[in-house]
């Protein structure tokens, strides 16, 4: 991949990173509830009228490292939005780093 295409790829990725929190922020601003797919077990029960048995068993198995995309004391106003953005950037950075390391390891194995 040439440098021009790679640069466009990074610019596009950067724009997507910056836009990601919009999908979480807009429902809150318009009083629409949680963002689609961001529901916990109680919200799924409320929306659908029941909670599947398998989901009930697995709902306590995993908890997010940064719960609700925010930090303690950052639940209101600009700080909440900053928490969304920081969480998104950290998540993308971890995924990009993992992909980079995996790519290096796979490339080394081809030699």
N, C-alpha and C. Protein backbone atom coordinates (compact mmCIF):
# COMPACT_ATOMS: atom_id res chain seq x y z
N UNK A 1 0.86 -1.18 0.00
CA UNK A 1 0.00 0.00 0.00
C UNK A 1 0.90 1.23 0.00
N UNK A 2 0.63 2.17 -0.92
CA UNK A 2 1.47 3.35 -0.99
C UNK A 2 1.12 4.33 0.13
N UNK A 3 1.99 5.32 0.35
CA UNK A 3 1.84 6.25 1.47
C UNK A 3 0.56 7.07 1.37
N UNK A 4 0.18 7.45 0.16
CA UNK A 4 -1.02 8.26 -0.02
C UNK A 4 -2.27 7.50 0.42
N UNK A 5 -2.39 6.24 0.02
CA UNK A 5 -3.53 5.43 0.42
C UNK A 5 -3.52 5.15 1.92
N UNK A 6 -2.33 4.92 2.46
CA UNK A 6 -2.21 4.65 3.88
C UNK A 6 -2.61 5.89 4.69
N UNK A 7 -2.20 7.05 4.23
CA UNK A 7 -2.56 8.30 4.91
C UNK A 7 -4.08 8.51 4.88
N UNK A 8 -4.71 8.25 3.73
CA UNK A 8 -6.16 8.38 3.63
C UNK A 8 -6.86 7.40 4.56
N UNK A 9 -6.31 6.21 4.68
CA UNK A 9 -6.87 5.21 5.58
C UNK A 9 -6.83 5.71 7.03
N UNK A 10 -5.70 6.27 7.46
CA UNK A 10 -5.57 6.78 8.82
C UNK A 10 -6.48 7.97 9.06
N UNK A 11 -6.62 8.83 8.07
CA UNK A 11 -7.53 9.99 8.20
C UNK A 11 -8.96 9.49 8.36
N UNK A 12 -9.36 8.53 7.53
CA UNK A 12 -10.70 7.97 7.63
C UNK A 12 -10.94 7.31 8.97
N UNK A 13 -9.95 6.55 9.45
CA UNK A 13 -10.06 5.91 10.75
C UNK A 13 -10.18 6.95 11.86
N UNK A 14 -9.42 8.02 11.76
CA UNK A 14 -9.49 9.10 12.76
C UNK A 14 -10.86 9.75 12.79
N UNK A 15 -11.44 9.98 11.62
CA UNK A 15 -12.78 10.57 11.56
C UNK A 15 -13.80 9.63 12.20
N UNK A 16 -13.70 8.34 11.90
CA UNK A 16 -14.62 7.37 12.50
C UNK A 16 -14.46 7.32 14.02
N UNK A 17 -13.23 7.43 14.50
CA UNK A 17 -12.99 7.43 15.94
C UNK A 17 -13.68 8.63 16.59
N UNK A 18 -13.55 9.79 15.95
CA UNK A 18 -14.17 10.99 16.51
C UNK A 18 -15.69 10.94 16.45
N UNK A 19 -16.24 10.26 15.46
CA UNK A 19 -17.70 10.18 15.31
C UNK A 19 -18.33 9.09 16.17
N UNK A 20 -17.56 8.14 16.63
CA UNK A 20 -18.11 7.01 17.38
C UNK A 20 -18.94 7.44 18.59
N UNK A 21 -18.49 8.37 19.41
CA UNK A 21 -19.31 8.74 20.58
C UNK A 21 -20.65 9.37 20.22
N UNK A 22 -20.81 9.86 19.01
CA UNK A 22 -22.07 10.49 18.62
C UNK A 22 -23.22 9.51 18.77
N UNK A 23 -23.01 8.26 18.42
CA UNK A 23 -24.05 7.25 18.53
C UNK A 23 -24.44 6.95 19.97
N UNK A 24 -23.59 7.27 20.90
CA UNK A 24 -23.90 7.08 22.31
C UNK A 24 -24.47 8.35 22.94
N UNK A 25 -24.04 9.49 22.44
CA UNK A 25 -24.45 10.77 23.02
C UNK A 25 -25.83 11.21 22.54
N UNK A 26 -26.11 11.06 21.25
CA UNK A 26 -27.38 11.56 20.69
C UNK A 26 -28.62 10.96 21.35
N UNK A 27 -28.69 9.65 21.59
CA UNK A 27 -29.89 9.13 22.25
C UNK A 27 -30.14 9.79 23.61
N UNK A 28 -29.08 10.07 24.35
CA UNK A 28 -29.23 10.74 25.64
C UNK A 28 -29.73 12.17 25.49
N UNK A 29 -29.23 12.86 24.49
CA UNK A 29 -29.65 14.25 24.27
C UNK A 29 -31.11 14.35 23.88
N UNK A 30 -31.61 13.36 23.16
CA UNK A 30 -32.99 13.38 22.70
C UNK A 30 -33.93 12.56 23.58
N UNK A 31 -33.43 12.08 24.71
CA UNK A 31 -34.26 11.31 25.63
C UNK A 31 -34.75 9.99 25.04
N UNK A 32 -33.95 9.39 24.19
CA UNK A 32 -34.35 8.15 23.50
C UNK A 32 -33.89 6.90 24.23
N UNK A 33 -33.37 7.02 25.41
CA UNK A 33 -32.87 5.85 26.13
C UNK A 33 -31.45 5.52 25.69
N UNK A 34 -31.06 4.28 25.93
CA UNK A 34 -29.70 3.86 25.60
C UNK A 34 -29.50 3.70 24.11
N UNK A 35 -28.26 3.76 23.70
CA UNK A 35 -27.91 3.53 22.30
C UNK A 35 -28.23 2.09 21.94
N UNK A 36 -28.56 1.84 20.66
CA UNK A 36 -28.95 0.50 20.23
C UNK A 36 -27.84 -0.49 20.53
N UNK A 37 -28.19 -1.57 21.20
CA UNK A 37 -27.23 -2.62 21.51
C UNK A 37 -26.42 -2.37 22.76
N UNK A 38 -26.63 -1.26 23.43
CA UNK A 38 -25.87 -0.92 24.63
C UNK A 38 -26.63 -1.27 25.90
N UNK A 39 -27.61 -2.17 25.79
CA UNK A 39 -28.49 -2.47 26.91
C UNK A 39 -27.89 -3.49 27.85
N UNK A 40 -28.25 -3.36 29.13
CA UNK A 40 -27.89 -4.41 30.07
C UNK A 40 -29.09 -5.36 30.19
N UNK A 41 -28.96 -6.37 31.02
CA UNK A 41 -29.99 -7.40 31.11
C UNK A 41 -31.35 -6.82 31.52
N UNK A 42 -31.36 -5.89 32.45
CA UNK A 42 -32.64 -5.32 32.89
C UNK A 42 -33.31 -4.52 31.78
N UNK A 43 -32.53 -3.81 30.96
CA UNK A 43 -33.11 -3.06 29.84
C UNK A 43 -33.66 -4.00 28.77
N UNK A 44 -32.99 -5.12 28.53
CA UNK A 44 -33.49 -6.09 27.56
C UNK A 44 -34.81 -6.68 28.04
N UNK A 45 -34.90 -6.97 29.35
CA UNK A 45 -36.14 -7.48 29.91
C UNK A 45 -37.26 -6.45 29.74
N UNK A 46 -36.95 -5.19 29.97
CA UNK A 46 -37.94 -4.13 29.83
C UNK A 46 -38.40 -3.96 28.38
N UNK A 47 -37.47 -4.03 27.44
CA UNK A 47 -37.79 -3.83 26.02
C UNK A 47 -38.58 -5.00 25.45
N UNK A 48 -38.13 -6.22 25.75
CA UNK A 48 -38.72 -7.40 25.11
C UNK A 48 -39.81 -8.07 25.94
N UNK A 49 -39.85 -7.78 27.23
CA UNK A 49 -40.83 -8.42 28.10
C UNK A 49 -40.32 -9.69 28.76
N UNK A 50 -39.15 -10.15 28.39
CA UNK A 50 -38.57 -11.34 29.02
C UNK A 50 -37.05 -11.27 28.87
N UNK A 51 -36.37 -12.12 29.62
CA UNK A 51 -34.91 -12.22 29.54
C UNK A 51 -34.55 -13.67 29.27
N UNK A 52 -33.90 -13.96 28.15
CA UNK A 52 -33.51 -15.34 27.85
C UNK A 52 -32.65 -15.92 28.97
N UNK A 53 -32.88 -17.19 29.26
CA UNK A 53 -32.18 -17.87 30.36
C UNK A 53 -30.66 -17.81 30.20
N UNK A 54 -30.17 -18.04 28.98
CA UNK A 54 -28.72 -17.99 28.73
C UNK A 54 -28.13 -16.62 29.01
N UNK A 55 -28.86 -15.57 28.63
CA UNK A 55 -28.38 -14.21 28.90
C UNK A 55 -28.38 -13.92 30.39
N UNK A 56 -29.38 -14.44 31.08
CA UNK A 56 -29.44 -14.24 32.53
C UNK A 56 -28.22 -14.87 33.20
N UNK A 57 -27.84 -16.07 32.74
CA UNK A 57 -26.67 -16.77 33.31
C UNK A 57 -25.37 -16.04 33.02
N UNK A 58 -25.26 -15.48 31.80
CA UNK A 58 -24.00 -14.87 31.37
C UNK A 58 -23.88 -13.38 31.67
N UNK A 59 -24.95 -12.75 32.14
CA UNK A 59 -24.93 -11.30 32.29
C UNK A 59 -23.92 -10.81 33.32
N UNK A 60 -23.59 -11.62 34.30
CA UNK A 60 -22.62 -11.21 35.31
C UNK A 60 -21.21 -11.71 35.04
N UNK A 61 -21.03 -12.42 33.92
CA UNK A 61 -19.72 -12.99 33.59
C UNK A 61 -18.69 -11.92 33.26
N UNK A 62 -19.10 -10.87 32.55
CA UNK A 62 -18.17 -9.85 32.08
C UNK A 62 -18.66 -8.48 32.49
N UNK A 63 -17.75 -7.66 32.98
CA UNK A 63 -18.08 -6.25 33.23
C UNK A 63 -17.05 -5.40 32.51
N UNK A 64 -17.51 -4.30 31.99
CA UNK A 64 -16.65 -3.44 31.18
C UNK A 64 -15.56 -2.81 32.04
N UNK A 65 -14.34 -2.67 31.48
CA UNK A 65 -13.26 -2.03 32.24
C UNK A 65 -13.57 -0.57 32.56
N UNK A 66 -14.27 0.10 31.66
CA UNK A 66 -14.70 1.49 31.89
C UNK A 66 -16.22 1.48 31.77
N UNK A 67 -16.88 1.25 32.89
CA UNK A 67 -18.33 1.11 32.90
C UNK A 67 -19.03 2.34 32.37
N UNK A 68 -20.00 2.15 31.49
CA UNK A 68 -20.79 3.22 30.88
C UNK A 68 -19.93 4.26 30.16
N UNK A 69 -18.76 3.85 29.71
CA UNK A 69 -17.86 4.70 28.94
C UNK A 69 -17.44 5.95 29.70
N UNK A 70 -17.46 5.92 30.99
CA UNK A 70 -17.12 7.11 31.76
C UNK A 70 -16.26 6.76 32.96
N UNK A 71 -15.92 7.77 33.69
CA UNK A 71 -15.08 7.61 34.87
C UNK A 71 -15.84 8.11 36.09
N UNK A 72 -15.46 7.66 37.26
CA UNK A 72 -16.16 8.05 38.49
C UNK A 72 -16.20 9.57 38.60
N UNK A 73 -17.38 10.10 38.83
CA UNK A 73 -17.55 11.55 38.97
C UNK A 73 -17.69 12.28 37.65
N UNK A 74 -17.68 11.56 36.53
CA UNK A 74 -17.76 12.19 35.20
C UNK A 74 -19.09 11.87 34.53
N UNK A 75 -20.17 11.81 35.26
CA UNK A 75 -21.43 11.36 34.69
C UNK A 75 -22.30 12.48 34.13
N UNK A 76 -21.92 13.71 34.27
CA UNK A 76 -22.76 14.82 33.82
C UNK A 76 -22.00 15.76 32.88
N UNK A 77 -22.73 16.33 31.93
CA UNK A 77 -22.22 17.40 31.08
C UNK A 77 -21.03 17.05 30.22
N UNK A 78 -20.13 18.01 30.10
CA UNK A 78 -18.97 17.89 29.21
C UNK A 78 -18.06 16.75 29.64
N UNK A 79 -17.94 16.53 30.94
CA UNK A 79 -17.08 15.43 31.41
C UNK A 79 -17.59 14.08 30.94
N UNK A 80 -18.91 13.90 30.87
CA UNK A 80 -19.46 12.63 30.38
C UNK A 80 -19.08 12.43 28.92
N UNK A 81 -19.17 13.47 28.12
CA UNK A 81 -18.80 13.37 26.70
C UNK A 81 -17.31 13.12 26.55
N UNK A 82 -16.51 13.76 27.39
CA UNK A 82 -15.06 13.53 27.36
C UNK A 82 -14.76 12.07 27.72
N UNK A 83 -15.50 11.53 28.68
CA UNK A 83 -15.32 10.13 29.05
C UNK A 83 -15.62 9.19 27.90
N UNK A 84 -16.70 9.49 27.14
CA UNK A 84 -17.02 8.70 25.94
C UNK A 84 -15.86 8.74 24.96
N UNK A 85 -15.35 9.94 24.70
CA UNK A 85 -14.27 10.10 23.72
C UNK A 85 -12.99 9.40 24.18
N UNK A 86 -12.62 9.58 25.43
CA UNK A 86 -11.42 8.94 25.96
C UNK A 86 -11.55 7.41 25.89
N UNK A 87 -12.72 6.89 26.27
CA UNK A 87 -12.95 5.44 26.20
C UNK A 87 -12.82 4.93 24.78
N UNK A 88 -13.39 5.68 23.83
CA UNK A 88 -13.31 5.27 22.42
C UNK A 88 -11.89 5.28 21.90
N UNK A 89 -11.16 6.33 22.23
CA UNK A 89 -9.77 6.44 21.76
C UNK A 89 -8.92 5.32 22.38
N UNK A 90 -9.12 5.05 23.66
CA UNK A 90 -8.36 3.97 24.31
C UNK A 90 -8.69 2.62 23.68
N UNK A 91 -9.97 2.38 23.42
CA UNK A 91 -10.37 1.12 22.80
C UNK A 91 -9.76 0.94 21.43
N UNK A 92 -9.81 2.00 20.61
CA UNK A 92 -9.23 1.92 19.27
C UNK A 92 -7.72 1.75 19.35
N UNK A 93 -7.08 2.45 20.26
CA UNK A 93 -5.63 2.34 20.40
C UNK A 93 -5.23 0.90 20.76
N UNK A 94 -6.00 0.28 21.63
CA UNK A 94 -5.70 -1.11 22.01
C UNK A 94 -5.87 -2.04 20.82
N UNK A 95 -6.95 -1.86 20.06
CA UNK A 95 -7.20 -2.72 18.90
C UNK A 95 -6.14 -2.51 17.82
N UNK A 96 -5.79 -1.25 17.55
CA UNK A 96 -4.76 -0.96 16.54
C UNK A 96 -3.42 -1.53 16.97
N UNK A 97 -3.06 -1.37 18.24
CA UNK A 97 -1.79 -1.91 18.73
C UNK A 97 -1.76 -3.44 18.62
N UNK A 98 -2.87 -4.07 18.98
CA UNK A 98 -2.93 -5.53 18.89
C UNK A 98 -2.82 -6.00 17.44
N UNK A 99 -3.50 -5.29 16.53
CA UNK A 99 -3.43 -5.65 15.11
C UNK A 99 -2.01 -5.44 14.57
N UNK A 100 -1.36 -4.37 14.98
CA UNK A 100 0.00 -4.07 14.55
C UNK A 100 0.96 -5.16 15.02
N UNK A 101 0.85 -5.51 16.30
CA UNK A 101 1.73 -6.54 16.86
C UNK A 101 1.48 -7.88 16.19
N UNK A 102 0.21 -8.22 15.99
CA UNK A 102 -0.12 -9.47 15.32
C UNK A 102 0.42 -9.49 13.89
N UNK A 103 0.29 -8.35 13.19
CA UNK A 103 0.83 -8.25 11.83
C UNK A 103 2.34 -8.45 11.80
N UNK A 104 3.03 -7.86 12.75
CA UNK A 104 4.49 -8.03 12.83
C UNK A 104 4.87 -9.48 13.10
N UNK A 105 4.13 -10.11 14.02
CA UNK A 105 4.42 -11.52 14.34
C UNK A 105 4.15 -12.42 13.14
N UNK A 106 3.07 -12.18 12.43
CA UNK A 106 2.76 -13.00 11.26
C UNK A 106 3.77 -12.76 10.13
N UNK A 107 4.20 -11.52 9.98
CA UNK A 107 5.19 -11.21 8.94
C UNK A 107 6.53 -11.87 9.27
N UNK A 108 6.89 -11.89 10.54
CA UNK A 108 8.13 -12.51 10.96
C UNK A 108 8.08 -14.02 10.69
N UNK A 109 6.91 -14.63 10.85
CA UNK A 109 6.76 -16.05 10.62
C UNK A 109 6.88 -16.46 9.16
N UNK A 110 6.69 -15.50 8.23
CA UNK A 110 6.78 -15.78 6.80
C UNK A 110 8.22 -15.90 6.31
N UNK A 111 9.16 -15.40 7.08
CA UNK A 111 10.56 -15.37 6.63
C UNK A 111 11.18 -16.72 6.61
